[in-house]
Amino acid sequence: MQLLFELALVFSAAAATDKPLPPPVIDMHLHAFRVGDTAGAPTCPGRVRSFYLPMDPGKPLDFSKMIACSNPMRASATDEALMRDSIAMLRKLNVRHAITSGDLPDVTKWRAAAPDRIVPAIAFADEFNKNSVDDFRRLYRAGSFSVFAEVENEYLGFAPDDPRWEPYFAMAEELDIPVGIHMGEGPVNGAHFPGYEAYRVRFTSPLLLEDVLVRHPKLRIYAMHYGSPMVEQTIAMMFTYPNLYVDVAGNDWLMPRAQFYAQLKQMVDAGFEKRIMFGSDQMWWPQAIEESIQSIEDAPFLSTSQKRDILYNNAARFLRLSDAEIKSDSQR
């Protein structure tokens, strides 16, 4: 009986390898969250979302009325399911490196479950994180994290060039730690969305990164969500500061597809296809990883080489992957 079981494993493994994996992907924006109150919560992918439902400010906030599609994606039911299903999706889609942020114990748990995929990240602009610069320096040198992300100053109601963040940017430049900072849309009806009352749209402006980039010319930094919807400002900043990259996370699966494509094409047409990186912004819906990759693959205005740049090559350059790592990623 044991022999039959072992033979079955061999044959199943052989069958699995018959189907080649897709080309490698780097996800610059993944989250190791806990499900909490979002367990089973629905959300609509952008390819079926053509509009946002209006809300009456005189009535209580009803999150169920934000769902404007008949077949929404559902959040995982438990923390374990979220981690398991997200990692399974990374493997299925050949996501070789996923920059994963969240509470450090949760990120550490995900990393232990998939050390070949999860790249640990931590945020310094986090009201729940009271680590000092020295604390972060110690954690970085201990290998507890590799990237500062997602830096959520905007959700806290502060500009990215606020003086309180200066010591952290200086440390990131000194130690050559990449930084991913939120520069984009926040929650719908943000001023009344529980937990996001401090969010302010004006801090989305990529122009607010200018003094940071002037002070830290060697800083590796990427604007998450590419400063959407302020794409003209993003283009101006990328033209002037060659060390500024962007990711397309969240916008690639959550926003209306027409809007995302118009913004992505605008950045590509402006000549910045080599500094646009893929990200899923997977929070509680593992299906979002596949949805977001497909949005790039389906983009009618992108060439095959441009798709590969966005899905892998640009991030490999930004993260300074070695030739050996890139070769290993491409073997499938």
Protein backbone atom coordinates (compact mmCIF):
# COMPACT_ATOMS: atom_id res chain seq x y z
CA MET A 1 0.00 0.00 0.00
CA GLN A 2 2.84 2.38 0.91
CA LEU A 3 4.52 1.63 -2.42
CA LEU A 4 1.34 2.45 -4.32
CA PHE A 5 1.04 5.74 -2.43
CA GLU A 6 4.63 6.69 -3.25
CA LEU A 7 4.14 5.80 -6.91
CA ALA A 8 1.00 7.95 -7.00
CA LEU A 9 2.99 10.90 -5.68
CA VAL A 10 5.65 10.39 -8.33
CA PHE A 11 3.11 10.22 -11.15
CA SER A 12 1.17 13.24 -9.87
CA ALA A 13 4.38 15.26 -9.60
CA ALA A 14 5.34 14.25 -13.13
CA ALA A 15 1.91 15.25 -14.40
CA ALA A 16 2.20 18.62 -12.68
CA THR A 17 5.50 19.31 -14.42
CA ASP A 18 4.01 18.49 -17.84
CA LYS A 19 2.26 21.86 -17.82
CA PRO A 20 4.91 24.58 -18.04
CA LEU A 21 4.71 27.48 -15.67
CA PRO A 22 4.07 30.95 -17.06
CA PRO A 23 7.05 33.34 -17.27
CA PRO A 24 8.32 34.59 -13.90
CA VAL A 25 6.67 37.52 -12.14
CA ILE A 26 7.77 39.85 -9.35
CA ASP A 27 5.00 41.25 -7.15
CA MET A 28 6.19 44.49 -5.56
CA HIS A 29 3.10 44.91 -3.39
CA LEU A 30 1.59 42.03 -1.41
CA HIS A 31 0.11 42.06 2.10
CA ALA A 32 0.26 39.53 4.90
CA PHE A 33 -2.92 40.62 6.64
CA ARG A 34 -5.33 38.98 9.03
CA VAL A 35 -8.90 38.64 7.82
CA GLY A 36 -10.63 40.15 10.86
CA ASP A 37 -13.99 41.64 9.92
CA THR A 38 -13.28 41.23 6.21
CA ALA A 39 -13.80 37.44 6.30
CA GLY A 40 -15.91 36.56 3.27
CA ALA A 41 -16.29 40.22 2.26
CA PRO A 42 -17.07 40.81 -1.45
CA THR A 43 -15.24 43.09 -3.85
CA CYS A 44 -15.57 43.76 -7.56
CA PRO A 45 -12.66 43.45 -10.01
CA GLY A 46 -12.16 46.46 -12.23
CA ARG A 47 -12.82 44.61 -15.49
CA VAL A 48 -16.51 44.39 -14.50
CA ARG A 49 -16.70 47.70 -12.64
CA SER A 50 -17.76 50.55 -14.90
CA PHE A 51 -18.95 52.97 -12.24
CA TYR A 52 -19.04 53.65 -8.50
CA LEU A 53 -22.41 53.66 -6.78
CA PRO A 54 -23.49 57.04 -5.38
CA MET A 55 -23.99 57.29 -1.64
CA ASP A 56 -26.41 59.47 0.30
CA PRO A 57 -24.40 61.34 3.00
CA GLY A 58 -27.55 61.63 5.07
CA LYS A 59 -27.79 57.86 5.50
CA PRO A 60 -25.58 55.41 7.44
CA LEU A 61 -22.61 54.03 5.52
CA ASP A 62 -23.61 50.70 3.93
CA PHE A 63 -20.58 48.85 2.59
CA SER A 64 -22.75 46.27 0.83
CA LYS A 65 -23.98 48.99 -1.53
CA MET A 66 -20.42 49.60 -2.74
CA ILE A 67 -20.52 46.29 -4.60
CA ALA A 68 -21.72 46.92 -8.13
CA CYS A 69 -21.22 43.52 -9.77
CA SER A 70 -23.18 40.29 -9.76
CA ASN A 71 -20.26 37.93 -9.21
CA PRO A 72 -17.84 39.55 -6.74
CA MET A 73 -14.64 38.02 -5.42
CA ARG A 74 -14.87 36.86 -1.80
CA ALA A 75 -12.25 37.36 0.89
CA SER A 76 -10.73 34.34 2.59
CA ALA A 77 -12.60 33.08 5.64
CA THR A 78 -9.63 32.58 7.99
CA ASP A 79 -6.07 33.80 8.46
CA GLU A 80 -4.71 30.37 7.56
CA ALA A 81 -6.81 30.18 4.41
CA LEU A 82 -5.68 33.64 3.34
CA MET A 83 -2.01 32.71 3.72
CA ARG A 84 -2.41 29.27 2.16
CA ASP A 85 -4.46 30.45 -0.81
CA SER A 86 -2.25 33.47 -1.47
CA ILE A 87 0.92 31.38 -1.49
CA ALA A 88 -0.76 28.78 -3.70
CA MET A 89 -1.63 31.55 -6.14
CA LEU A 90 1.98 32.79 -6.13
CA ARG A 91 3.17 29.31 -7.03
CA LYS A 92 0.50 28.77 -9.67
CA LEU A 93 1.34 32.04 -11.41
CA ASN A 94 5.12 31.70 -10.97
CA VAL A 95 5.47 34.80 -8.82
CA ARG A 96 9.07 34.30 -7.77
CA HIS A 97 9.45 37.27 -5.42
CA ALA A 98 6.59 38.94 -3.53
CA ILE A 99 7.39 42.04 -1.48
CA THR A 100 5.13 41.31 1.48
CA SER A 101 4.20 43.83 4.16
CA GLY A 102 2.10 43.73 7.30
CA ASP A 103 2.70 43.30 11.00
CA LEU A 104 6.16 41.80 11.34
CA PRO A 105 4.98 38.60 13.15
CA ASP A 106 2.50 37.93 10.33
CA VAL A 107 5.06 38.64 7.62
CA THR A 108 7.52 36.34 9.39
CA LYS A 109 4.89 33.59 9.45
CA TRP A 110 4.19 33.94 5.72
CA ARG A 111 7.92 33.98 5.01
CA ALA A 112 8.38 30.75 6.95
CA ALA A 113 5.57 29.17 4.93
CA ALA A 114 7.11 30.20 1.59
CA PRO A 115 10.74 31.30 2.03
CA ASP A 116 11.29 30.91 -1.71
CA ARG A 117 8.60 33.47 -2.54
CA ILE A 118 8.02 35.91 0.32
CA VAL A 119 10.34 38.92 0.62
CA PRO A 120 9.67 40.52 4.03
CA ALA A 121 8.80 44.21 4.18
CA ILE A 122 7.96 46.58 7.02
CA ALA A 123 6.64 50.14 7.19
CA PHE A 124 8.16 52.99 9.17
CA ALA A 125 5.17 55.34 8.78
CA ASP A 126 2.77 53.19 10.77
CA GLU A 127 0.86 54.44 13.78
CA PHE A 128 0.93 50.93 15.23
CA ASN A 129 4.69 50.61 14.81
CA LYS A 130 6.76 52.53 17.34
CA ASN A 131 10.19 51.33 16.22
CA SER A 132 13.00 53.86 16.28
CA VAL A 133 15.61 54.25 13.56
CA ASP A 134 17.97 52.14 15.66
CA ASP A 135 15.30 49.46 16.04
CA PHE A 136 14.84 49.28 12.27
CA ARG A 137 18.58 49.23 11.72
CA ARG A 138 18.87 46.25 14.06
CA LEU A 139 15.93 44.43 12.43
CA TYR A 140 17.36 45.01 8.95
CA ARG A 141 20.80 43.75 9.87
CA ALA A 142 19.19 40.70 11.47
CA GLY A 143 17.47 39.93 8.16
CA SER A 144 13.94 40.50 9.53
CA PHE A 145 12.99 42.65 6.54
CA SER A 146 14.44 43.69 3.17
CA VAL A 147 12.16 46.54 2.01
CA PHE A 148 10.44 49.51 3.66
CA ALA A 149 6.85 49.08 2.47
CA GLU A 150 4.06 49.93 2.51
CA VAL A 151 4.89 53.39 3.90
CA GLU A 152 1.40 54.72 4.62
CA ASN A 153 1.98 58.35 5.58
CA GLU A 154 -1.02 59.37 3.47
CA TYR A 155 -3.38 57.26 5.57
CA LEU A 156 -2.05 58.97 8.69
CA GLY A 157 -2.73 62.43 7.32
CA PHE A 158 0.93 63.42 6.74
CA ALA A 159 2.84 64.39 3.62
CA PRO A 160 5.79 62.19 2.56
CA ASP A 161 8.17 65.11 3.07
CA ASP A 162 7.05 65.60 6.68
CA PRO A 163 10.20 66.08 8.83
CA ARG A 164 9.31 63.13 11.07
CA TRP A 165 10.12 60.69 8.24
CA GLU A 166 13.47 62.25 7.33
CA PRO A 167 15.63 60.02 9.62
CA TYR A 168 14.05 56.92 8.09
CA PHE A 169 14.62 58.01 4.50
CA ALA A 170 18.22 58.86 5.45
CA MET A 171 18.69 55.38 6.89
CA ALA A 172 17.13 53.76 3.83
CA GLU A 173 19.54 55.62 1.58
CA GLU A 174 22.52 54.82 3.82
CA LEU A 175 21.75 51.08 3.99
CA ASP A 176 20.39 50.92 0.42
CA ILE A 177 16.97 49.70 1.56
CA PRO A 178 14.27 50.05 -1.14
CA VAL A 179 11.22 52.10 -0.13
CA GLY A 180 7.66 51.63 -1.38
CA ILE A 181 5.40 54.54 -0.44
CA HIS A 182 1.63 54.80 -0.89
CA MET A 183 0.82 57.51 -3.45
CA GLY A 184 -2.67 56.92 -4.74
CA GLU A 185 -6.34 56.56 -4.02
CA GLY A 186 -7.51 55.63 -0.54
CA PRO A 187 -10.80 54.13 0.58
CA VAL A 188 -14.07 55.14 -1.05
CA ASN A 189 -15.77 57.73 1.18
CA GLY A 190 -12.47 57.91 3.06
CA ALA A 191 -13.45 60.57 5.57
CA HIS A 192 -16.06 58.20 7.00
CA PHE A 193 -14.36 54.85 6.37
CA PRO A 194 -13.56 53.32 9.79
CA GLY A 195 -9.85 53.43 10.49
CA TYR A 196 -9.06 55.79 7.62
CA GLU A 197 -10.46 59.06 8.93
CA ALA A 198 -7.06 60.78 8.67
CA TYR A 199 -6.59 60.01 4.97
CA ARG A 200 -6.29 63.10 2.79
CA VAL A 201 -6.38 63.07 -1.02
CA ARG A 202 -3.92 65.97 -1.33
CA PHE A 203 -1.08 63.79 -0.02
CA THR A 204 -1.44 61.63 -3.14
CA SER A 205 0.47 64.29 -5.09
CA PRO A 206 3.79 62.85 -6.32
CA LEU A 207 5.19 66.39 -6.22
CA LEU A 208 5.37 65.97 -2.44
CA LEU A 209 8.18 63.44 -2.98
CA GLU A 210 10.41 66.04 -4.60
CA ASP A 211 12.23 67.28 -1.49
CA VAL A 212 12.77 63.67 -0.37
CA LEU A 213 14.40 62.84 -3.71
CA VAL A 214 16.50 66.01 -3.70
CA ARG A 215 17.84 65.22 -0.24
CA HIS A 216 18.39 61.55 -1.04
CA PRO A 217 19.58 61.17 -4.65
CA LYS A 218 20.72 57.57 -4.08
CA LEU A 219 17.44 56.43 -2.55
CA ARG A 220 15.69 53.51 -4.26
CA ILE A 221 12.03 54.45 -4.04
CA TYR A 222 8.82 53.53 -5.83
CA ALA A 223 5.49 55.29 -5.69
CA MET A 224 2.82 52.67 -5.12
CA HIS A 225 -0.28 53.13 -7.29
CA TYR A 226 1.83 55.51 -9.45
CA GLY A 227 0.30 58.57 -7.79
CA SER A 228 -3.07 57.82 -9.40
CA PRO A 229 -5.02 59.72 -10.52
CA MET A 230 -2.39 62.48 -10.67
CA VAL A 231 -0.51 60.82 -13.53
CA GLU A 232 0.79 64.04 -15.09
CA GLN A 233 2.59 64.82 -11.83
CA THR A 234 4.02 61.31 -11.77
CA ILE A 235 5.37 61.73 -15.29
CA ALA A 236 6.95 65.05 -14.37
CA MET A 237 8.63 63.49 -11.34
CA MET A 238 9.89 60.43 -13.21
CA PHE A 239 11.35 62.64 -15.93
CA THR A 240 13.31 64.71 -13.43
CA TYR A 241 14.25 61.95 -10.97
CA PRO A 242 15.52 58.77 -12.69
CA ASN A 243 15.66 56.87 -9.37
CA LEU A 244 11.87 57.08 -9.01
CA TYR A 245 9.95 53.95 -10.04
CA VAL A 246 6.22 53.21 -9.71
CA ASP A 247 4.05 50.17 -9.21
CA VAL A 248 0.57 49.59 -10.64
CA ALA A 249 -0.73 47.64 -7.65
CA GLY A 250 -4.42 47.71 -6.85
CA ASN A 251 -5.20 49.90 -9.82
CA ASP A 252 -4.56 46.91 -12.08
CA TRP A 253 -7.41 44.85 -10.63
CA LEU A 254 -9.61 47.10 -8.51
CA MET A 255 -10.10 50.22 -10.60
CA PRO A 256 -12.28 50.36 -13.72
CA ARG A 257 -10.23 48.76 -16.49
CA ALA A 258 -10.69 51.69 -18.88
CA GLN A 259 -9.27 54.11 -16.31
CA PHE A 260 -6.30 51.90 -15.49
CA TYR A 261 -5.43 51.31 -19.12
CA ALA A 262 -5.66 55.03 -19.94
CA GLN A 263 -3.28 55.88 -17.09
CA LEU A 264 -0.86 53.03 -17.82
CA LYS A 265 -0.74 53.94 -21.51
CA GLN A 266 -0.09 57.56 -20.60
CA MET A 267 3.01 56.58 -18.61
CA VAL A 268 4.21 54.18 -21.32
CA ASP A 269 3.64 56.75 -24.06
CA ALA A 270 5.66 59.24 -22.00
CA GLY A 271 8.63 56.87 -22.21
CA PHE A 272 8.69 55.30 -18.74
CA GLU A 273 7.99 51.65 -19.54
CA LYS A 274 11.33 50.67 -17.95
CA ARG A 275 10.34 52.00 -14.52
CA ILE A 276 6.81 50.65 -14.17
CA MET A 277 6.59 47.58 -11.93
CA PHE A 278 3.86 45.07 -11.32
CA GLY A 279 2.14 44.73 -7.96
CA SER A 280 -1.06 43.03 -6.92
CA ASP A 281 -1.88 44.84 -3.68
CA GLN A 282 -3.43 41.53 -2.59
CA MET A 283 -5.03 42.19 0.78
CA TRP A 284 -7.81 39.68 1.54
CA TRP A 285 -8.68 38.35 -1.93
CA PRO A 286 -6.08 35.86 -3.26
CA GLN A 287 -7.86 35.89 -6.64
CA ALA A 288 -6.67 39.49 -7.02
CA ILE A 289 -3.16 38.25 -7.82
CA GLU A 290 -4.35 36.43 -10.93
CA GLU A 291 -6.75 39.24 -11.82
CA SER A 292 -3.98 41.84 -11.69
CA ILE A 293 -1.48 39.81 -13.74
CA GLN A 294 -4.15 39.18 -16.36
CA SER A 295 -4.84 42.90 -16.65
CA ILE A 296 -1.25 43.41 -17.82
CA GLU A 297 -1.33 40.41 -20.13
CA ASP A 298 -4.58 41.66 -21.69
CA ALA A 299 -3.44 45.27 -22.25
CA PRO A 300 -3.86 45.73 -26.03
CA PHE A 301 -1.35 48.59 -26.29
CA LEU A 302 1.57 46.75 -24.63
CA SER A 303 4.05 44.71 -26.63
CA THR A 304 5.26 41.34 -25.37
CA SER A 305 8.55 42.86 -24.24
CA GLN A 306 6.77 45.70 -22.43
CA LYS A 307 4.60 43.20 -20.56
CA ARG A 308 7.70 41.26 -19.49
CA ASP A 309 9.36 44.49 -18.34
CA ILE A 310 6.37 45.41 -16.18
CA LEU A 311 5.78 41.92 -14.82
CA TYR A 312 9.42 41.07 -14.08
CA ASN A 313 12.38 42.84 -15.67
CA ASN A 314 11.92 46.32 -14.21
CA ALA A 315 11.53 45.02 -10.67
CA ALA A 316 14.52 42.71 -11.09
CA ARG A 317 16.60 45.76 -11.98
CA PHE A 318 15.15 47.87 -9.15
CA LEU A 319 15.77 45.11 -6.58
CA ARG A 320 19.22 44.47 -8.06
CA LEU A 321 18.72 40.76 -8.52
CA SER A 322 21.90 39.00 -9.54
CA ASP A 323 22.34 37.32 -12.90
CA ALA A 324 22.22 33.99 -11.09
CA GLU A 325 18.89 34.87 -9.46
CA ILE A 326 17.39 36.01 -12.74
CA LYS A 327 18.60 32.85 -14.47
CA SER A 328 17.13 30.72 -11.71
CA ASP A 329 13.80 32.55 -11.97
CA SER A 330 13.66 31.96 -15.72
CA GLN A 331 14.16 28.20 -15.44
CA ARG A 332 10.71 26.67 -15.57
